[in-house]
Amino acid sequence: MAVSCGGSDTPVDTSRLTDREKEWVEFSYTHEKNNEIKRTWEQLNAEDVKSYLADQRPRLCGDTATLMDGLKEAGYTADEMQEYKDKSEELICSPL
């Protein structure tokens, strides 16, 4: 069952995530430019969403240049890239 996160209509099952992880998934989903990736998010069960997020942490929280290059290739503007980086750092990279 897909649940909304943060009171939005985001159809991603975030029931196994912390509040900060839920907020990041909602942010990432709503800012995703690739509809195929959005559909993939929607099809994941709660455990797979948690696992995917864990797999992405090293990429999101590691080499900033690589993250920014990936976002640029995906069509993000400089402001969008900075916002994505900042949200990642705030919500999933920094310790609780």
C-alpha atoms as a PDB file:
ATOM      1  CA  MET A   1       0.000   0.000   0.000  1.00  0.00           C
ATOM      2  CA  ALA A   2       1.401   3.366  -0.933  1.00  0.00           C
ATOM      3  CA  VAL A   3       1.173   6.010   1.715  1.00  0.00           C
ATOM      4  CA  SER A   4       1.632   9.690   1.372  1.00  0.00           C
ATOM      5  CA  CYS A   5       4.523  11.294   3.110  1.00  0.00           C
ATOM      6  CA  GLY A   6       4.470  14.687   4.725  1.00  0.00           C
ATOM      7  CA  GLY A   7       0.756  15.010   4.095  1.00  0.00           C
ATOM      8  CA  SER A   8       1.232  15.120   0.335  1.00  0.00           C
ATOM      9  CA  ASP A   9      -0.105  12.863  -2.371  1.00  0.00           C
ATOM     10  CA  THR A  10       3.281  11.304  -3.123  1.00  0.00           C
ATOM     11  CA  PRO A  11       2.438   7.678  -4.012  1.00  0.00           C
ATOM     12  CA  VAL A  12       5.592   6.186  -2.514  1.00  0.00           C
ATOM     13  CA  ASP A  13       5.422   3.759   0.418  1.00  0.00           C
ATOM     14  CA  THR A  14       7.503   5.470   3.095  1.00  0.00           C
ATOM     15  CA  SER A  15       6.082   3.562   6.047  1.00  0.00           C
ATOM     16  CA  ARG A  16       9.507   2.118   7.026  1.00  0.00           C
ATOM     17  CA  LEU A  17      11.386   5.428   6.911  1.00  0.00           C
ATOM     18  CA  THR A  18      12.263   8.008   9.537  1.00  0.00           C
ATOM     19  CA  ASP A  19      10.609  11.409   9.287  1.00  0.00           C
ATOM     20  CA  ARG A  20      13.752  12.920   7.745  1.00  0.00           C
ATOM     21  CA  GLU A  21      14.014  10.078   5.209  1.00  0.00           C
ATOM     22  CA  LYS A  22      10.323  10.516   4.343  1.00  0.00           C
ATOM     23  CA  GLU A  23      10.857  14.222   3.762  1.00  0.00           C
ATOM     24  CA  TRP A  24      13.838  13.517   1.505  1.00  0.00           C
ATOM     25  CA  VAL A  25      11.929  10.881  -0.504  1.00  0.00           C
ATOM     26  CA  GLU A  26       9.027  13.300  -0.941  1.00  0.00           C
ATOM     27  CA  PHE A  27      11.409  16.062  -2.036  1.00  0.00           C
ATOM     28  CA  SER A  28      13.315  13.760  -4.402  1.00  0.00           C
ATOM     29  CA  TYR A  29      10.146  12.304  -5.894  1.00  0.00           C
ATOM     30  CA  THR A  30       8.459  15.651  -6.500  1.00  0.00           C
ATOM     31  CA  HIS A  31      11.624  17.108  -8.070  1.00  0.00           C
ATOM     32  CA  GLU A  32      12.399  14.055 -10.217  1.00  0.00           C
ATOM     33  CA  LYS A  33      12.455  14.980 -13.906  1.00  0.00           C
ATOM     34  CA  ASN A  34      12.383  11.411 -15.243  1.00  0.00           C
ATOM     35  CA  ASN A  35       8.866   9.912 -15.204  1.00  0.00           C
ATOM     36  CA  GLU A  36      10.286   6.402 -15.528  1.00  0.00           C
ATOM     37  CA  ILE A  37      12.201   6.873 -12.280  1.00  0.00           C
ATOM     38  CA  LYS A  38       9.045   8.224 -10.635  1.00  0.00           C
ATOM     39  CA  ARG A  39       7.141   5.101 -11.699  1.00  0.00           C
ATOM     40  CA  THR A  40       9.930   2.953 -10.292  1.00  0.00           C
ATOM     41  CA  TRP A  41       9.642   4.734  -6.922  1.00  0.00           C
ATOM     42  CA  GLU A  42       5.875   4.142  -6.959  1.00  0.00           C
ATOM     43  CA  GLN A  43       6.279   0.404  -7.560  1.00  0.00           C
ATOM     44  CA  LEU A  44       8.683  -0.221  -4.667  1.00  0.00           C
ATOM     45  CA  ASN A  45       7.372  -1.677  -1.436  1.00  0.00           C
ATOM     46  CA  ALA A  46       8.334  -0.097   1.888  1.00  0.00           C
ATOM     47  CA  GLU A  47      11.376  -2.337   2.430  1.00  0.00           C
ATOM     48  CA  ASP A  48      12.651  -1.715  -1.099  1.00  0.00           C
ATOM     49  CA  VAL A  49      12.283   2.069  -0.660  1.00  0.00           C
ATOM     50  CA  LYS A  50      14.378   1.849   2.518  1.00  0.00           C
ATOM     51  CA  SER A  51      16.952  -0.351   0.771  1.00  0.00           C
ATOM     52  CA  TYR A  52      17.124   1.960  -2.263  1.00  0.00           C
ATOM     53  CA  LEU A  53      17.687   4.946  -0.011  1.00  0.00           C
ATOM     54  CA  ALA A  54      20.481   3.105   1.828  1.00  0.00           C
ATOM     55  CA  ASP A  55      22.091   2.220  -1.523  1.00  0.00           C
ATOM     56  CA  GLN A  56      21.905   5.856  -2.667  1.00  0.00           C
ATOM     57  CA  ARG A  57      23.400   7.386   0.503  1.00  0.00           C
ATOM     58  CA  PRO A  58      27.048   6.970  -0.575  1.00  0.00           C
ATOM     59  CA  ARG A  59      26.323   8.700  -3.907  1.00  0.00           C
ATOM     60  CA  LEU A  60      24.264  11.467  -2.327  1.00  0.00           C
ATOM     61  CA  CYS A  61      26.503  12.033   0.673  1.00  0.00           C
ATOM     62  CA  GLY A  62      29.897  11.330  -0.838  1.00  0.00           C
ATOM     63  CA  ASP A  63      31.512  13.000  -3.803  1.00  0.00           C
ATOM     64  CA  THR A  64      29.661  16.284  -4.321  1.00  0.00           C
ATOM     65  CA  ALA A  65      31.144  16.826  -7.795  1.00  0.00           C
ATOM     66  CA  THR A  66      29.831  13.468  -9.009  1.00  0.00           C
ATOM     67  CA  LEU A  67      26.378  14.185  -7.560  1.00  0.00           C
ATOM     68  CA  MET A  68      26.265  17.599  -9.218  1.00  0.00           C
ATOM     69  CA  ASP A  69      27.444  16.176 -12.554  1.00  0.00           C
ATOM     70  CA  GLY A  70      24.675  13.563 -12.407  1.00  0.00           C
ATOM     71  CA  LEU A  71      22.051  16.186 -11.631  1.00  0.00           C
ATOM     72  CA  LYS A  72      23.318  18.402 -14.447  1.00  0.00           C
ATOM     73  CA  GLU A  73      23.132  15.505 -16.904  1.00  0.00           C
ATOM     74  CA  ALA A  74      19.559  14.862 -15.732  1.00  0.00           C
ATOM     75  CA  GLY A  75      18.592  18.416 -16.686  1.00  0.00           C
ATOM     76  CA  TYR A  76      18.631  20.176 -13.330  1.00  0.00           C
ATOM     77  CA  THR A  77      19.415  23.903 -13.225  1.00  0.00           C
ATOM     78  CA  ALA A  78      22.202  25.226 -10.994  1.00  0.00           C
ATOM     79  CA  ASP A  79      19.659  26.385  -8.395  1.00  0.00           C
ATOM     80  CA  GLU A  80      17.862  23.010  -8.471  1.00  0.00           C
ATOM     81  CA  MET A  81      21.163  21.183  -8.105  1.00  0.00           C
ATOM     82  CA  GLN A  82      22.128  23.283  -5.095  1.00  0.00           C
ATOM     83  CA  GLU A  83      18.709  22.755  -3.497  1.00  0.00           C
ATOM     84  CA  TYR A  84      18.956  18.978  -4.073  1.00  0.00           C
ATOM     85  CA  LYS A  85      22.450  18.882  -2.552  1.00  0.00           C
ATOM     86  CA  ASP A  86      21.370  20.979   0.441  1.00  0.00           C
ATOM     87  CA  LYS A  87      18.262  18.853   1.086  1.00  0.00           C
ATOM     88  CA  SER A  88      20.298  15.662   0.844  1.00  0.00           C
ATOM     89  CA  GLU A  89      22.844  16.983   3.331  1.00  0.00           C
ATOM     90  CA  GLU A  90      20.162  18.236   5.709  1.00  0.00           C
ATOM     91  CA  LEU A  91      17.872  15.208   5.632  1.00  0.00           C
ATOM     92  CA  ILE A  92      19.909  12.089   4.950  1.00  0.00           C
ATOM     93  CA  CYS A  93      23.618  12.876   5.170  1.00  0.00           C
ATOM     94  CA  SER A  94      23.877  14.664   8.497  1.00  0.00           C
ATOM     95  CA  PRO A  95      23.566  12.681  11.727  1.00  0.00           C
ATOM     96  CA  LEU A  96      20.316  12.899  13.646  1.00  0.00           C
END
